[in-house]
Amino acid sequence: RRLRLVEEGRHDIEFLTQLSHVRLAGRYLGGANSLVQAVTELGGGYWVLTPMRDDRGFTILVNRGFVPQERKAEFQQEGGAGAPAAVDGRLRSSEPGGGFLRSNDPAANRWYSRDVA
């Protein structure tokens, strides 16, 4: 499956999804972290997703790691805004609709799956 990223005024760029290796240099967008509820071998908590924009204007959500439930407040707002950063990782497709038992609730900023729509 391919994911098409469209930049206004430029040609489409396609990436293979799930396990596609990507490198991106850009800047994190501040105050825009999303916390996706997760359960890992470390217990319950959240994946911290922060949008990063490159010099061409593409924005990609970056999974910056897992935080336990008790540290949620530390990661709800600050996203390392403005500082140059580089990411080397895997591009994954959107998972609209939510998790197995719960639906995403964007109005309440409650996320149970990756939904970039």
PDB file of N, CA and C in Angstrom:
ATOM      1  N   ARG A   1       0.840  -1.183   0.000  1.00  0.00           N
ATOM      2  CA  ARG A   1       0.000   0.000   0.000  1.00  0.00           C
ATOM      3  C   ARG A   1       0.878   1.237   0.000  1.00  0.00           C
ATOM      4  N   ARG A   2       0.444   2.277  -0.671  1.00  0.00           N
ATOM      5  CA  ARG A   2       1.212   3.516  -0.737  1.00  0.00           C
ATOM      6  C   ARG A   2       0.461   4.645  -0.034  1.00  0.00           C
ATOM      7  N   LEU A   3       1.229   5.540   0.553  1.00  0.00           N
ATOM      8  CA  LEU A   3       0.678   6.734   1.189  1.00  0.00           C
ATOM      9  C   LEU A   3       1.111   7.913   0.342  1.00  0.00           C
ATOM     10  N   ARG A   4       0.178   8.704  -0.084  1.00  0.00           N
ATOM     11  CA  ARG A   4       0.507   9.833  -0.938  1.00  0.00           C
ATOM     12  C   ARG A   4       0.489  11.108  -0.103  1.00  0.00           C
ATOM     13  N   LEU A   5       1.606  11.824  -0.103  1.00  0.00           N
ATOM     14  CA  LEU A   5       1.702  13.117   0.567  1.00  0.00           C
ATOM     15  C   LEU A   5       1.640  14.183  -0.511  1.00  0.00           C
ATOM     16  N   VAL A   6       0.725  15.112  -0.383  1.00  0.00           N
ATOM     17  CA  VAL A   6       0.553  16.136  -1.403  1.00  0.00           C
ATOM     18  C   VAL A   6       0.922  17.480  -0.809  1.00  0.00           C
ATOM     19  N   GLU A   7       1.869  18.132  -1.432  1.00  0.00           N
ATOM     20  CA  GLU A   7       2.266  19.471  -1.013  1.00  0.00           C
ATOM     21  C   GLU A   7       1.676  20.448  -2.018  1.00  0.00           C
ATOM     22  N   GLU A   8       1.048  21.505  -1.542  1.00  0.00           N
ATOM     23  CA  GLU A   8       0.399  22.454  -2.424  1.00  0.00           C
ATOM     24  C   GLU A   8       1.404  23.027  -3.417  1.00  0.00           C
ATOM     25  N   GLY A   9       1.058  23.000  -4.697  1.00  0.00           N
ATOM     26  CA  GLY A   9       1.918  23.565  -5.723  1.00  0.00           C
ATOM     27  C   GLY A   9       3.067  22.675  -6.157  1.00  0.00           C
ATOM     28  N   ARG A  10       3.143  21.452  -5.659  1.00  0.00           N
ATOM     29  CA  ARG A  10       4.231  20.545  -6.028  1.00  0.00           C
ATOM     30  C   ARG A  10       3.664  19.191  -6.412  1.00  0.00           C
ATOM     31  N   HIS A  11       4.528  18.355  -6.955  1.00  0.00           N
ATOM     32  CA  HIS A  11       4.111  17.008  -7.329  1.00  0.00           C
ATOM     33  C   HIS A  11       3.844  16.169  -6.086  1.00  0.00           C
ATOM     34  N   ASP A  12       3.008  15.167  -6.262  1.00  0.00           N
ATOM     35  CA  ASP A  12       2.749  14.213  -5.185  1.00  0.00           C
ATOM     36  C   ASP A  12       4.010  13.415  -4.895  1.00  0.00           C
ATOM     37  N   ILE A  13       4.165  13.025  -3.657  1.00  0.00           N
ATOM     38  CA  ILE A  13       5.254  12.134  -3.265  1.00  0.00           C
ATOM     39  C   ILE A  13       4.611  10.916  -2.631  1.00  0.00           C
ATOM     40  N   GLU A  14       5.008   9.745  -3.056  1.00  0.00           N
ATOM     41  CA  GLU A  14       4.428   8.525  -2.507  1.00  0.00           C
ATOM     42  C   GLU A  14       5.451   7.782  -1.668  1.00  0.00           C
ATOM     43  N   PHE A  15       4.999   7.263  -0.558  1.00  0.00           N
ATOM     44  CA  PHE A  15       5.818   6.429   0.310  1.00  0.00           C
ATOM     45  C   PHE A  15       5.093   5.108   0.514  1.00  0.00           C
ATOM     46  N   LEU A  16       5.823   4.009   0.557  1.00  0.00           N
ATOM     47  CA  LEU A  16       5.215   2.751   0.976  1.00  0.00           C
ATOM     48  C   LEU A  16       4.921   2.862   2.463  1.00  0.00           C
ATOM     49  N   THR A  17       3.798   2.346   2.889  1.00  0.00           N
ATOM     50  CA  THR A  17       3.453   2.439   4.307  1.00  0.00           C
ATOM     51  C   THR A  17       3.866   1.195   5.062  1.00  0.00           C
ATOM     52  N   GLN A  18       3.815   1.253   6.343  1.00  0.00           N
ATOM     53  CA  GLN A  18       4.209   0.208   7.308  1.00  0.00           C
ATOM     54  C   GLN A  18       5.692  -0.110   7.114  1.00  0.00           C
ATOM     55  N   LEU A  19       6.587  -0.065   7.685  1.00  0.00           N
ATOM     56  CA  LEU A  19       7.971  -0.503   7.505  1.00  0.00           C
ATOM     57  C   LEU A  19       8.721   0.228   6.410  1.00  0.00           C
ATOM     58  N   SER A  20       8.270   1.388   5.951  1.00  0.00           N
ATOM     59  CA  SER A  20       9.046   2.183   5.008  1.00  0.00           C
ATOM     60  C   SER A  20      10.013   3.056   5.793  1.00  0.00           C
ATOM     61  N   HIS A  21      11.291   2.918   5.497  1.00  0.00           N
ATOM     62  CA  HIS A  21      12.307   3.706   6.184  1.00  0.00           C
ATOM     63  C   HIS A  21      12.284   5.134   5.650  1.00  0.00           C
ATOM     64  N   VAL A  22      12.285   6.115   6.557  1.00  0.00           N
ATOM     65  CA  VAL A  22      12.310   7.521   6.155  1.00  0.00           C
ATOM     66  C   VAL A  22      13.291   8.292   7.022  1.00  0.00           C
ATOM     67  N   ARG A  23      13.795   9.372   6.440  1.00  0.00           N
ATOM     68  CA  ARG A  23      14.604  10.345   7.184  1.00  0.00           C
ATOM     69  C   ARG A  23      13.965  11.698   6.958  1.00  0.00           C
ATOM     70  N   LEU A  24      13.830  12.460   8.026  1.00  0.00           N
ATOM     71  CA  LEU A  24      13.206  13.771   7.928  1.00  0.00           C
ATOM     72  C   LEU A  24      13.951  14.735   8.829  1.00  0.00           C
ATOM     73  N   ALA A  25      14.301  15.881   8.273  1.00  0.00           N
ATOM     74  CA  ALA A  25      14.884  16.963   9.069  1.00  0.00           C
ATOM     75  C   ALA A  25      13.887  18.112   9.034  1.00  0.00           C
ATOM     76  N   GLY A  26      13.656  18.715  10.173  1.00  0.00           N
ATOM     77  CA  GLY A  26      12.700  19.809  10.237  1.00  0.00           C
ATOM     78  C   GLY A  26      12.637  20.388  11.632  1.00  0.00           C
ATOM     79  N   ARG A  27      11.460  20.876  11.981  1.00  0.00           N
ATOM     80  CA  ARG A  27      11.249  21.467  13.304  1.00  0.00           C
ATOM     81  C   ARG A  27       9.939  20.938  13.880  1.00  0.00           C
ATOM     82  N   TYR A  28       9.976  20.612  15.187  1.00  0.00           N
ATOM     83  CA  TYR A  28       8.754  20.189  15.869  1.00  0.00           C
ATOM     84  C   TYR A  28       7.832  21.391  16.026  1.00  0.00           C
ATOM     85  N   LEU A  29       6.540  21.160  15.909  1.00  0.00           N
ATOM     86  CA  LEU A  29       5.544  22.208  16.096  1.00  0.00           C
ATOM     87  C   LEU A  29       5.135  22.219  17.560  1.00  0.00           C
ATOM     88  N   GLY A  30       5.323  23.325  18.219  1.00  0.00           N
ATOM     89  CA  GLY A  30       5.100  23.409  19.659  1.00  0.00           C
ATOM     90  C   GLY A  30       3.648  23.385  20.063  1.00  0.00           C
ATOM     91  N   GLY A  31       3.413  22.907  21.280  1.00  0.00           N
ATOM     92  CA  GLY A  31       2.077  22.877  21.853  1.00  0.00           C
ATOM     93  C   GLY A  31       1.127  21.954  21.127  1.00  0.00           C
ATOM     94  N   ALA A  32       1.679  21.016  20.374  1.00  0.00           N
ATOM     95  CA  ALA A  32       0.820  20.186  19.533  1.00  0.00           C
ATOM     96  C   ALA A  32       0.976  18.691  19.804  1.00  0.00           C
ATOM     97  N   ASN A  33       1.510  18.316  20.956  1.00  0.00           N
ATOM     98  CA  ASN A  33       1.627  16.888  21.260  1.00  0.00           C
ATOM     99  C   ASN A  33       0.249  16.244  21.350  1.00  0.00           C
ATOM    100  N   SER A  34       0.166  15.015  20.872  1.00  0.00           N
ATOM    101  CA  SER A  34      -1.014  14.178  21.093  1.00  0.00           C
ATOM    102  C   SER A  34      -0.558  12.959  21.863  1.00  0.00           C
ATOM    103  N   LEU A  35      -1.351  12.530  22.818  1.00  0.00           N
ATOM    104  CA  LEU A  35      -1.020  11.354  23.612  1.00  0.00           C
ATOM    105  C   LEU A  35      -1.968  10.229  23.231  1.00  0.00           C
ATOM    106  N   VAL A  36      -1.410   9.115  22.775  1.00  0.00           N
ATOM    107  CA  VAL A  36      -2.203   7.962  22.359  1.00  0.00           C
ATOM    108  C   VAL A  36      -2.103   6.905  23.445  1.00  0.00           C
ATOM    109  N   GLN A  37      -3.244   6.546  24.018  1.00  0.00           N
ATOM    110  CA  GLN A  37      -3.259   5.579  25.113  1.00  0.00           C
ATOM    111  C   GLN A  37      -2.649   4.259  24.657  1.00  0.00           C
ATOM    112  N   ALA A  38      -1.807   3.679  25.527  1.00  0.00           N
ATOM    113  CA  ALA A  38      -1.117   2.434  25.188  1.00  0.00           C
ATOM    114  C   ALA A  38      -0.900   1.595  26.435  1.00  0.00           C
ATOM    115  N   VAL A  39      -0.783   0.299  26.227  1.00  0.00           N
ATOM    116  CA  VAL A  39      -0.387  -0.621  27.289  1.00  0.00           C
ATOM    117  C   VAL A  39       0.815  -1.383  26.764  1.00  0.00           C
ATOM    118  N   THR A  40       1.924  -1.310  27.500  1.00  0.00           N
ATOM    119  CA  THR A  40       3.148  -1.998  27.107  1.00  0.00           C
ATOM    120  C   THR A  40       3.609  -2.870  28.266  1.00  0.00           C
ATOM    121  N   GLU A  41       4.743  -3.508  28.095  1.00  0.00           N
ATOM    122  CA  GLU A  41       5.290  -4.307  29.202  1.00  0.00           C
ATOM    123  C   GLU A  41       5.708  -3.424  30.371  1.00  0.00           C
ATOM    124  N   LEU A  42       5.772  -2.101  30.152  1.00  0.00           N
ATOM    125  CA  LEU A  42       6.055  -1.154  31.234  1.00  0.00           C
ATOM    126  C   LEU A  42       4.788  -0.756  31.982  1.00  0.00           C
ATOM    127  N   GLY A  43       3.631  -1.184  31.491  1.00  0.00           N
ATOM    128  CA  GLY A  43       2.356  -0.829  32.107  1.00  0.00           C
ATOM    129  C   GLY A  43       1.565   0.117  31.225  1.00  0.00           C
ATOM    130  N   GLY A  44       0.559   0.765  31.819  1.00  0.00           N
ATOM    131  CA  GLY A  44      -0.285   1.695  31.080  1.00  0.00           C
ATOM    132  C   GLY A  44       0.366   3.055  30.949  1.00  0.00           C
ATOM    133  N   GLY A  45       0.068   3.731  29.851  1.00  0.00           N
ATOM    134  CA  GLY A  45       0.605   5.064  29.617  1.00  0.00           C
ATOM    135  C   GLY A  45       0.207   5.563  28.247  1.00  0.00           C
ATOM    136  N   TYR A  46       1.121   6.301  27.615  1.00  0.00           N
ATOM    137  CA  TYR A  46       0.811   6.969  26.356  1.00  0.00           C
ATOM    138  C   TYR A  46       2.024   6.981  25.436  1.00  0.00           C
ATOM    139  N   TRP A  47       1.755   6.871  24.125  1.00  0.00           N
ATOM    140  CA  TRP A  47       2.753   7.185  23.113  1.00  0.00           C
ATOM    141  C   TRP A  47       2.651   8.685  22.882  1.00  0.00           C
ATOM    142  N   VAL A  48       3.768   9.400  22.866  1.00  0.00           N
ATOM    143  CA  VAL A  48       3.786  10.842  22.638  1.00  0.00           C
ATOM    144  C   VAL A  48       4.017  11.084  21.149  1.00  0.00           C
ATOM    145  N   LEU A  49       3.027  11.683  20.484  1.00  0.00           N
ATOM    146  CA  LEU A  49       3.132  11.998  19.063  1.00  0.00           C
ATOM    147  C   LEU A  49       3.230  13.504  18.896  1.00  0.00           C
ATOM    148  N   THR A  50       4.256  13.958  18.172  1.00  0.00           N
ATOM    149  CA  THR A  50       4.491  15.376  17.957  1.00  0.00           C
ATOM    150  C   THR A  50       4.627  15.633  16.464  1.00  0.00           C
ATOM    151  N   PRO A  51       3.918  16.625  15.918  1.00  0.00           N
ATOM    152  CA  PRO A  51       4.080  16.928  14.502  1.00  0.00           C
ATOM    153  C   PRO A  51       5.421  17.609  14.229  1.00  0.00           C
ATOM    154  N   MET A  52       6.060  17.204  13.132  1.00  0.00           N
ATOM    155  CA  MET A  52       7.305  17.817  12.674  1.00  0.00           C
ATOM    156  C   MET A  52       7.078  18.292  11.239  1.00  0.00           C
ATOM    157  N   ARG A  53       7.505  19.510  10.937  1.00  0.00           N
ATOM    158  CA  ARG A  53       7.372  20.057   9.584  1.00  0.00           C
ATOM    159  C   ARG A  53       8.761  20.236   8.986  1.00  0.00           C
ATOM    160  N   ASP A  54       8.918  19.764   7.732  1.00  0.00           N
ATOM    161  CA  ASP A  54      10.208  19.924   7.064  1.00  0.00           C
ATOM    162  C   ASP A  54      10.226  21.224   6.260  1.00  0.00           C
ATOM    163  N   ASP A  55      11.354  21.512   5.602  1.00  0.00           N
ATOM    164  CA  ASP A  55      11.516  22.764   4.862  1.00  0.00           C
ATOM    165  C   ASP A  55      10.591  22.878   3.655  1.00  0.00           C
ATOM    166  N   ARG A  56      10.065  21.748   3.177  1.00  0.00           N
ATOM    167  CA  ARG A  56       9.151  21.764   2.029  1.00  0.00           C
ATOM    168  C   ARG A  56       7.705  21.967   2.446  1.00  0.00           C
ATOM    169  N   GLY A  57       7.448  21.923   3.748  1.00  0.00           N
ATOM    170  CA  GLY A  57       6.090  22.114   4.243  1.00  0.00           C
ATOM    171  C   GLY A  57       5.343  20.841   4.580  1.00  0.00           C
ATOM    172  N   PHE A  58       5.985  19.671   4.434  1.00  0.00           N
ATOM    173  CA  PHE A  58       5.346  18.415   4.818  1.00  0.00           C
ATOM    174  C   PHE A  58       5.315  18.308   6.334  1.00  0.00           C
ATOM    175  N   THR A  59       4.218  17.815   6.863  1.00  0.00           N
ATOM    176  CA  THR A  59       4.102  17.585   8.295  1.00  0.00           C
ATOM    177  C   THR A  59       3.878  16.097   8.533  1.00  0.00           C
ATOM    178  N   ILE A  60       4.678  15.530   9.432  1.00  0.00           N
ATOM    179  CA  ILE A  60       4.585  14.117   9.782  1.00  0.00           C
ATOM    180  C   ILE A  60       4.507  14.011  11.295  1.00  0.00           C
ATOM    181  N   LEU A  61       3.627  13.138  11.796  1.00  0.00           N
ATOM    182  CA  LEU A  61       3.570  12.872  13.233  1.00  0.00           C
ATOM    183  C   LEU A  61       4.720  11.950  13.604  1.00  0.00           C
ATOM    184  N   VAL A  62       5.482  12.335  14.617  1.00  0.00           N
ATOM    185  CA  VAL A  62       6.629  11.553  15.076  1.00  0.00           C
ATOM    186  C   VAL A  62       6.294  10.941  16.431  1.00  0.00           C
ATOM    187  N   ASN A  63       6.432   9.625  16.529  1.00  0.00           N
ATOM    188  CA  ASN A  63       6.259   8.942  17.812  1.00  0.00           C
ATOM    189  C   ASN A  63       7.555   9.125  18.585  1.00  0.00           C
ATOM    190  N   ARG A  64       7.498   9.936  19.637  1.00  0.00           N
ATOM    191  CA  ARG A  64       8.699  10.261  20.405  1.00  0.00           C
ATOM    192  C   ARG A  64       8.899   9.343  21.600  1.00  0.00           C
ATOM    193  N   GLY A  65       8.038   8.339  21.731  1.00  0.00           N
ATOM    194  CA  GLY A  65       8.250   7.357  22.780  1.00  0.00           C
ATOM    195  C   GLY A  65       7.086   7.224  23.740  1.00  0.00           C
ATOM    196  N   PHE A  66       7.271   6.330  24.680  1.00  0.00           N
ATOM    197  CA  PHE A  66       6.254   5.976  25.667  1.00  0.00           C
ATOM    198  C   PHE A  66       6.495   6.728  26.963  1.00  0.00           C
ATOM    199  N   VAL A  67       5.411   7.228  27.576  1.00  0.00           N
ATOM    200  CA  VAL A  67       5.486   7.813  28.918  1.00  0.00           C
ATOM    201  C   VAL A  67       4.435   7.137  29.791  1.00  0.00           C
ATOM    202  N   PRO A  68       4.777   6.845  31.055  1.00  0.00           N
ATOM    203  CA  PRO A  68       3.802   6.220  31.950  1.00  0.00           C
ATOM    204  C   PRO A  68       2.684   7.195  32.323  1.00  0.00           C
ATOM    205  N   GLN A  69       1.571   6.652  32.749  1.00  0.00           N
ATOM    206  CA  GLN A  69       0.381   7.419  33.107  1.00  0.00           C
ATOM    207  C   GLN A  69       0.702   8.594  34.032  1.00  0.00           C
ATOM    208  N   GLU A  70       1.523   8.365  35.045  1.00  0.00           N
ATOM    209  CA  GLU A  70       1.786   9.411  36.045  1.00  0.00           C
ATOM    210  C   GLU A  70       2.601  10.586  35.508  1.00  0.00           C
ATOM    211  N   ARG A  71       3.174  10.465  34.314  1.00  0.00           N
ATOM    212  CA  ARG A  71       3.950  11.572  33.726  1.00  0.00           C
ATOM    213  C   ARG A  71       3.214  12.247  32.575  1.00  0.00           C
ATOM    214  N   LYS A  72       1.953  11.949  32.409  1.00  0.00           N
ATOM    215  CA  LYS A  72       1.146  12.471  31.305  1.00  0.00           C
ATOM    216  C   LYS A  72       1.209  13.994  31.200  1.00  0.00           C
ATOM    217  N   ALA A  73       1.033  14.699  32.310  1.00  0.00           N
ATOM    218  CA  ALA A  73       0.972  16.163  32.294  1.00  0.00           C
ATOM    219  C   ALA A  73       2.237  16.803  31.731  1.00  0.00           C
ATOM    220  N   GLU A  74       3.385  16.172  31.938  1.00  0.00           N
ATOM    221  CA  GLU A  74       4.656  16.719  31.440  1.00  0.00           C
ATOM    222  C   GLU A  74       4.706  16.779  29.918  1.00  0.00           C
ATOM    223  N   PHE A  75       3.936  15.934  29.260  1.00  0.00           N
ATOM    224  CA  PHE A  75       4.057  15.790  27.814  1.00  0.00           C
ATOM    225  C   PHE A  75       2.827  16.251  27.039  1.00  0.00           C
ATOM    226  N   GLN A  76       1.835  16.805  27.716  1.00  0.00           N
ATOM    227  CA  GLN A  76       0.608  17.194  27.020  1.00  0.00           C
ATOM    228  C   GLN A  76       0.787  18.410  26.130  1.00  0.00           C
ATOM    229  N   GLN A  77       1.629  19.336  26.458  1.00  0.00           N
ATOM    230  CA  GLN A  77       1.741  20.563  25.675  1.00  0.00           C
ATOM    231  C   GLN A  77       3.069  20.709  24.936  1.00  0.00           C
ATOM    232  N   GLU A  78       4.160  20.755  25.662  1.00  0.00           N
ATOM    233  CA  GLU A  78       5.451  21.090  25.060  1.00  0.00           C
ATOM    234  C   GLU A  78       5.904  20.031  24.078  1.00  0.00           C
ATOM    235  N   GLY A  79       6.274  20.481  22.898  1.00  0.00           N
ATOM    236  CA  GLY A  79       6.729  19.560  21.877  1.00  0.00           C
ATOM    237  C   GLY A  79       8.134  19.837  21.396  1.00  0.00           C
ATOM    238  N   GLY A  80       8.926  20.627  22.137  1.00  0.00           N
ATOM    239  CA  GLY A  80      10.267  20.961  21.670  1.00  0.00           C
ATOM    240  C   GLY A  80      10.203  21.938  20.509  1.00  0.00           C
ATOM    241  N   ALA A  81       9.300  22.885  20.579  1.00  0.00           N
ATOM    242  CA  ALA A  81       8.980  23.773  19.467  1.00  0.00           C
ATOM    243  C   ALA A  81      10.173  24.527  18.912  1.00  0.00           C
ATOM    244  N   GLY A  82      10.229  24.559  17.590  1.00  0.00           N
ATOM    245  CA  GLY A  82      11.172  25.407  16.894  1.00  0.00           C
ATOM    246  C   GLY A  82      12.584  24.906  16.757  1.00  0.00           C
ATOM    247  N   ALA A  83      13.033  24.042  17.629  1.00  0.00           N
ATOM    248  CA  ALA A  83      14.414  23.568  17.561  1.00  0.00           C
ATOM    249  C   ALA A  83      14.580  22.622  16.374  1.00  0.00           C
ATOM    250  N   PRO A  84      15.671  22.786  15.606  1.00  0.00           N
ATOM    251  CA  PRO A  84      15.912  21.848  14.504  1.00  0.00           C
ATOM    252  C   PRO A  84      16.064  20.430  15.045  1.00  0.00           C
ATOM    253  N   ALA A  85      15.534  19.477  14.302  1.00  0.00           N
ATOM    254  CA  ALA A  85      15.606  18.075  14.713  1.00  0.00           C
ATOM    255  C   ALA A  85      15.667  17.201  13.468  1.00  0.00           C
ATOM    256  N   ALA A  86      16.196  16.003  13.643  1.00  0.00           N
ATOM    257  CA  ALA A  86      16.234  15.021  12.559  1.00  0.00           C
ATOM    258  C   ALA A  86      15.678  13.707  13.086  1.00  0.00           C
ATOM    259  N   VAL A  87      14.895  13.037  12.262  1.00  0.00           N
ATOM    260  CA  VAL A  87      14.273  11.769  12.634  1.00  0.00           C
ATOM    261  C   VAL A  87      14.651  10.727  11.597  1.00  0.00           C
ATOM    262  N   ASP A  88      15.024   9.567  12.084  1.00  0.00           N
ATOM    263  CA  ASP A  88      15.340   8.418  11.239  1.00  0.00           C
ATOM    264  C   ASP A  88      14.464   7.284  11.746  1.00  0.00           C
ATOM    265  N   GLY A  89      13.480   6.870  10.961  1.00  0.00           N
ATOM    266  CA  GLY A  89      12.557   5.866  11.485  1.00  0.00           C
ATOM    267  C   GLY A  89      11.714   5.205  10.423  1.00  0.00           C
ATOM    268  N   ARG A  90      10.554   4.728  10.831  1.00  0.00           N
ATOM    269  CA  ARG A  90       9.627   4.008   9.959  1.00  0.00           C
ATOM    270  C   ARG A  90       8.348   4.814   9.773  1.00  0.00           C
ATOM    271  N   LEU A  91       7.892   4.910   8.550  1.00  0.00           N
ATOM    272  CA  LEU A  91       6.641   5.584   8.246  1.00  0.00           C
ATOM    273  C   LEU A  91       5.511   4.568   8.340  1.00  0.00           C
ATOM    274  N   ARG A  92       4.482   4.906   9.093  1.00  0.00           N
ATOM    275  CA  ARG A  92       3.333   4.003   9.252  1.00  0.00           C
ATOM    276  C   ARG A  92       2.082   4.721   8.777  1.00  0.00           C
ATOM    277  N   SER A  93       1.135   3.952   8.328  1.00  0.00           N
ATOM    278  CA  SER A  93      -0.106   4.525   7.816  1.00  0.00           C
ATOM    279  C   SER A  93      -1.047   4.906   8.957  1.00  0.00           C
ATOM    280  N   SER A  94      -2.044   5.691   8.608  1.00  0.00           N
ATOM    281  CA  SER A  94      -3.067   6.104   9.553  1.00  0.00           C
ATOM    282  C   SER A  94      -3.915   4.902   9.970  1.00  0.00           C
ATOM    283  N   GLU A  95      -4.455   4.961  11.182  1.00  0.00           N
ATOM    284  CA  GLU A  95      -5.384   3.947  11.694  1.00  0.00           C
ATOM    285  C   GLU A  95      -6.660   4.654  12.127  1.00  0.00           C
ATOM    286  N   PRO A  96      -7.434   5.151  11.173  1.00  0.00           N
ATOM    287  CA  PRO A  96      -8.626   5.910  11.563  1.00  0.00           C
ATOM    288  C   PRO A  96      -9.641   5.044  12.299  1.00  0.00           C
ATOM    289  N   GLY A  97     -10.384   5.692  13.153  1.00  0.00           N
ATOM    290  CA  GLY A  97     -11.481   5.003  13.825  1.00  0.00           C
ATOM    291  C   GLY A  97     -11.248   4.684  15.280  1.00  0.00           C
ATOM    292  N   GLY A  98     -10.016   4.505  15.691  1.00  0.00           N
ATOM    293  CA  GLY A  98      -9.768   4.217  17.092  1.00  0.00           C
ATOM    294  C   GLY A  98      -9.238   2.824  17.321  1.00  0.00           C
ATOM    295  N   GLY A  99      -9.236   2.448  18.584  1.00  0.00           N
ATOM    296  CA  GLY A  99      -8.717   1.152  18.982  1.00  0.00           C
ATOM    297  C   GLY A  99      -9.785   0.074  18.960  1.00  0.00           C
ATOM    298  N   PHE A 100      -9.434  -1.066  19.504  1.00  0.00           N
ATOM    299  CA  PHE A 100     -10.314  -2.233  19.498  1.00  0.00           C
ATOM    300  C   PHE A 100     -11.629  -1.970  20.234  1.00  0.00           C
ATOM    301  N   LEU A 101     -11.555  -1.333  21.386  1.00  0.00           N
ATOM    302  CA  LEU A 101     -12.759  -1.119  22.191  1.00  0.00           C
ATOM    303  C   LEU A 101     -13.214   0.333  22.261  1.00  0.00           C
ATOM    304  N   ARG A 102     -12.365   1.274  21.814  1.00  0.00           N
ATOM    305  CA  ARG A 102     -12.700   2.688  21.958  1.00  0.00           C
ATOM    306  C   ARG A 102     -12.485   3.426  20.650  1.00  0.00           C
ATOM    307  N   SER A 103     -13.316   4.445  20.442  1.00  0.00           N
ATOM    308  CA  SER A 103     -13.163   5.313  19.282  1.00  0.00           C
ATOM    309  C   SER A 103     -12.359   6.540  19.671  1.00  0.00           C
ATOM    310  N   ASN A 104     -11.593   7.085  18.723  1.00  0.00           N
ATOM    311  CA  ASN A 104     -10.885   8.335  18.967  1.00  0.00           C
ATOM    312  C   ASN A 104     -11.899   9.436  19.257  1.00  0.00           C
ATOM    313  N   ASP A 105     -11.518  10.382  20.122  1.00  0.00           N
ATOM    314  CA  ASP A 105     -12.372  11.508  20.478  1.00  0.00           C
ATOM    315  C   ASP A 105     -11.555  12.785  20.318  1.00  0.00           C
ATOM    316  N   PRO A 106     -11.436  13.305  19.068  1.00  0.00           N
ATOM    317  CA  PRO A 106     -10.598  14.479  18.826  1.00  0.00           C
ATOM    318  C   PRO A 106     -10.984  15.698  19.654  1.00  0.00           C
ATOM    319  N   ALA A 107     -12.270  15.924  19.885  1.00  0.00           N
ATOM    320  CA  ALA A 107     -12.710  17.095  20.648  1.00  0.00           C
ATOM    321  C   ALA A 107     -12.144  17.089  22.062  1.00  0.00           C
ATOM    322  N   ALA A 108     -11.982  15.915  22.641  1.00  0.00           N
ATOM    323  CA  ALA A 108     -11.435  15.783  23.996  1.00  0.00           C
ATOM    324  C   ALA A 108      -9.941  15.452  23.977  1.00  0.00           C
ATOM    325  N   ASN A 109      -9.338  15.421  22.778  1.00  0.00           N
ATOM    326  CA  ASN A 109      -7.923  15.067  22.612  1.00  0.00           C
ATOM    327  C   ASN A 109      -7.619  13.698  23.226  1.00  0.00           C
ATOM    328  N   ARG A 110      -8.521  12.734  22.965  1.00  0.00           N
ATOM    329  CA  ARG A 110      -8.325  11.352  23.422  1.00  0.00           C
ATOM    330  C   ARG A 110      -8.130  10.475  22.196  1.00  0.00           C
ATOM    331  N   TRP A 111      -6.975   9.829  22.131  1.00  0.00           N
ATOM    332  CA  TRP A 111      -6.597   9.058  20.956  1.00  0.00           C
ATOM    333  C   TRP A 111      -6.246   7.638  21.356  1.00  0.00           C
ATOM    334  N   TYR A 112      -6.767   6.696  20.598  1.00  0.00           N
ATOM    335  CA  TYR A 112      -6.526   5.280  20.854  1.00  0.00           C
ATOM    336  C   TYR A 112      -5.859   4.608  19.657  1.00  0.00           C
ATOM    337  N   SER A 113      -5.663   5.364  18.588  1.00  0.00           N
ATOM    338  CA  SER A 113      -4.962   4.869  17.403  1.00  0.00           C
ATOM    339  C   SER A 113      -4.411   6.065  16.628  1.00  0.00           C
ATOM    340  N   ARG A 114      -3.525   5.778  15.658  1.00  0.00           N
ATOM    341  CA  ARG A 114      -2.989   6.842  14.798  1.00  0.00           C
ATOM    342  C   ARG A 114      -4.064   7.215  13.787  1.00  0.00           C
ATOM    343  N   ASP A 115      -4.532   8.447  13.849  1.00  0.00           N
ATOM    344  CA  ASP A 115      -5.536   8.923  12.900  1.00  0.00           C
ATOM    345  C   ASP A 115      -5.120  10.313  12.462  1.00  0.00           C
ATOM    346  N   VAL A 116      -4.556  10.415  11.274  1.00  0.00           N
ATOM    347  CA  VAL A 116      -4.020  11.693  10.812  1.00  0.00           C
ATOM    348  C   VAL A 116      -4.965  12.420   9.858  1.00  0.00           C
ATOM    349  N   ALA A 117      -6.182  11.928   9.722  1.00  0.00           N
ATOM    350  CA  ALA A 117      -7.135  12.535   8.780  1.00  0.00           C
ATOM    351  C   ALA A 117      -7.573  13.910   9.220  1.00  0.00           C
TER     352      ALA A 117
END
